[in-house]
C-alpha atoms as a PDB file:
ATOM      1  CA  UNK A   1      -8.790 -44.369 -22.477  1.00  0.00           C
ATOM      2  CA  UNK A   2      -9.258 -40.628 -22.562  1.00  0.00           C
ATOM      3  CA  UNK A   3      -7.958 -38.464 -25.415  1.00  0.00           C
ATOM      4  CA  UNK A   4      -7.744 -34.828 -26.381  1.00  0.00           C
ATOM      5  CA  UNK A   5      -7.533 -35.451 -30.102  1.00  0.00           C
ATOM      6  CA  UNK A   6     -10.199 -32.852 -30.870  1.00  0.00           C
ATOM      7  CA  UNK A   7      -8.182 -30.213 -28.992  1.00  0.00           C
ATOM      8  CA  UNK A   8      -4.966 -31.172 -30.775  1.00  0.00           C
ATOM      9  CA  UNK A   9      -6.746 -30.884 -34.128  1.00  0.00           C
ATOM     10  CA  UNK A  10      -8.081 -27.463 -33.159  1.00  0.00           C
ATOM     11  CA  UNK A  11      -4.590 -26.264 -32.270  1.00  0.00           C
ATOM     12  CA  UNK A  12      -3.384 -27.187 -35.766  1.00  0.00           C
ATOM     13  CA  UNK A  13      -6.714 -26.131 -37.299  1.00  0.00           C
ATOM     14  CA  UNK A  14      -7.148 -29.395 -39.205  1.00  0.00           C
ATOM     15  CA  UNK A  15     -10.265 -31.446 -39.845  1.00  0.00           C
ATOM     16  CA  UNK A  16     -10.793 -35.104 -39.085  1.00  0.00           C
ATOM     17  CA  UNK A  17     -10.420 -35.791 -42.809  1.00  0.00           C
ATOM     18  CA  UNK A  18      -7.103 -33.921 -42.993  1.00  0.00           C
ATOM     19  CA  UNK A  19      -5.709 -35.806 -39.999  1.00  0.00           C
ATOM     20  CA  UNK A  20      -6.941 -39.090 -41.450  1.00  0.00           C
ATOM     21  CA  UNK A  21      -5.163 -38.362 -44.723  1.00  0.00           C
ATOM     22  CA  UNK A  22      -1.907 -37.516 -42.927  1.00  0.00           C
ATOM     23  CA  UNK A  23      -1.863 -40.818 -41.031  1.00  0.00           C
ATOM     24  CA  UNK A  24      -3.482 -42.894 -43.779  1.00  0.00           C
ATOM     25  CA  UNK A  25      -6.712 -43.970 -42.097  1.00  0.00           C
ATOM     26  CA  UNK A  26     -10.369 -43.132 -42.737  1.00  0.00           C
ATOM     27  CA  UNK A  27     -12.102 -40.097 -41.305  1.00  0.00           C
ATOM     28  CA  UNK A  28     -14.443 -42.529 -39.549  1.00  0.00           C
ATOM     29  CA  UNK A  29     -11.461 -44.013 -37.701  1.00  0.00           C
ATOM     30  CA  UNK A  30     -10.526 -40.573 -36.388  1.00  0.00           C
ATOM     31  CA  UNK A  31     -14.146 -40.002 -35.371  1.00  0.00           C
ATOM     32  CA  UNK A  32     -14.345 -43.277 -33.427  1.00  0.00           C
ATOM     33  CA  UNK A  33     -11.039 -42.563 -31.674  1.00  0.00           C
ATOM     34  CA  UNK A  34     -12.165 -39.046 -30.707  1.00  0.00           C
ATOM     35  CA  UNK A  35     -15.445 -40.374 -29.338  1.00  0.00           C
ATOM     36  CA  UNK A  36     -13.639 -42.989 -27.249  1.00  0.00           C
ATOM     37  CA  UNK A  37     -15.207 -45.947 -29.052  1.00  0.00           C
ATOM     38  CA  UNK A  38     -11.877 -47.180 -30.429  1.00  0.00           C
ATOM     39  CA  UNK A  39      -8.399 -47.341 -28.904  1.00  0.00           C
ATOM     40  CA  UNK A  40      -5.742 -46.857 -31.572  1.00  0.00           C
ATOM     41  CA  UNK A  41      -2.792 -49.164 -32.074  1.00  0.00           C
ATOM     42  CA  UNK A  42       0.601 -48.057 -30.835  1.00  0.00           C
ATOM     43  CA  UNK A  43       1.681 -47.324 -34.404  1.00  0.00           C
ATOM     44  CA  UNK A  44      -1.381 -45.163 -35.034  1.00  0.00           C
ATOM     45  CA  UNK A  45      -0.920 -43.294 -31.750  1.00  0.00           C
ATOM     46  CA  UNK A  46       2.727 -42.622 -32.642  1.00  0.00           C
ATOM     47  CA  UNK A  47       1.735 -41.327 -36.081  1.00  0.00           C
ATOM     48  CA  UNK A  48      -0.739 -38.923 -34.460  1.00  0.00           C
ATOM     49  CA  UNK A  49       1.876 -37.732 -31.986  1.00  0.00           C
ATOM     50  CA  UNK A  50       4.248 -37.051 -34.863  1.00  0.00           C
ATOM     51  CA  UNK A  51       1.640 -34.996 -36.735  1.00  0.00           C
ATOM     52  CA  UNK A  52       0.950 -32.901 -33.623  1.00  0.00           C
ATOM     53  CA  UNK A  53       4.637 -32.778 -32.575  1.00  0.00           C
ATOM     54  CA  UNK A  54       3.770 -33.924 -29.044  1.00  0.00           C
ATOM     55  CA  UNK A  55       4.284 -37.098 -27.046  1.00  0.00           C
ATOM     56  CA  UNK A  56       1.642 -39.830 -27.117  1.00  0.00           C
ATOM     57  CA  UNK A  57       0.782 -39.198 -23.468  1.00  0.00           C
ATOM     58  CA  UNK A  58      -0.086 -35.595 -24.345  1.00  0.00           C
ATOM     59  CA  UNK A  59      -2.873 -36.984 -26.559  1.00  0.00           C
ATOM     60  CA  UNK A  60      -3.932 -40.131 -24.689  1.00  0.00           C
ATOM     61  CA  UNK A  61      -4.269 -40.879 -20.996  1.00  0.00           C
ATOM     62  CA  UNK A  62      -5.496 -43.849 -19.013  1.00  0.00           C
ATOM     63  CA  UNK A  63      -8.679 -43.623 -17.012  1.00  0.00           C
ATOM     64  CA  UNK A  64      -9.401 -45.535 -13.868  1.00  0.00           C
ATOM     65  CA  UNK A  65     -10.273 -49.071 -14.855  1.00  0.00           C
ATOM     66  CA  UNK A  66      -8.143 -49.119 -18.007  1.00  0.00           C
END
């Protein structure tokens, strides 16, 4: 799964730690999601979308083979 989490954070000018605090996860979780090593749960993806005021599919997209 591809994501543009880093871009969304840059738009809001927030750090990984700030995003993590807003959605109640660790900064390491945000890092692993951004690097594509971890696919977030639906609940976590929805929380991120709410923070960024966008739809989930504006943050995450399927890649071939997903």
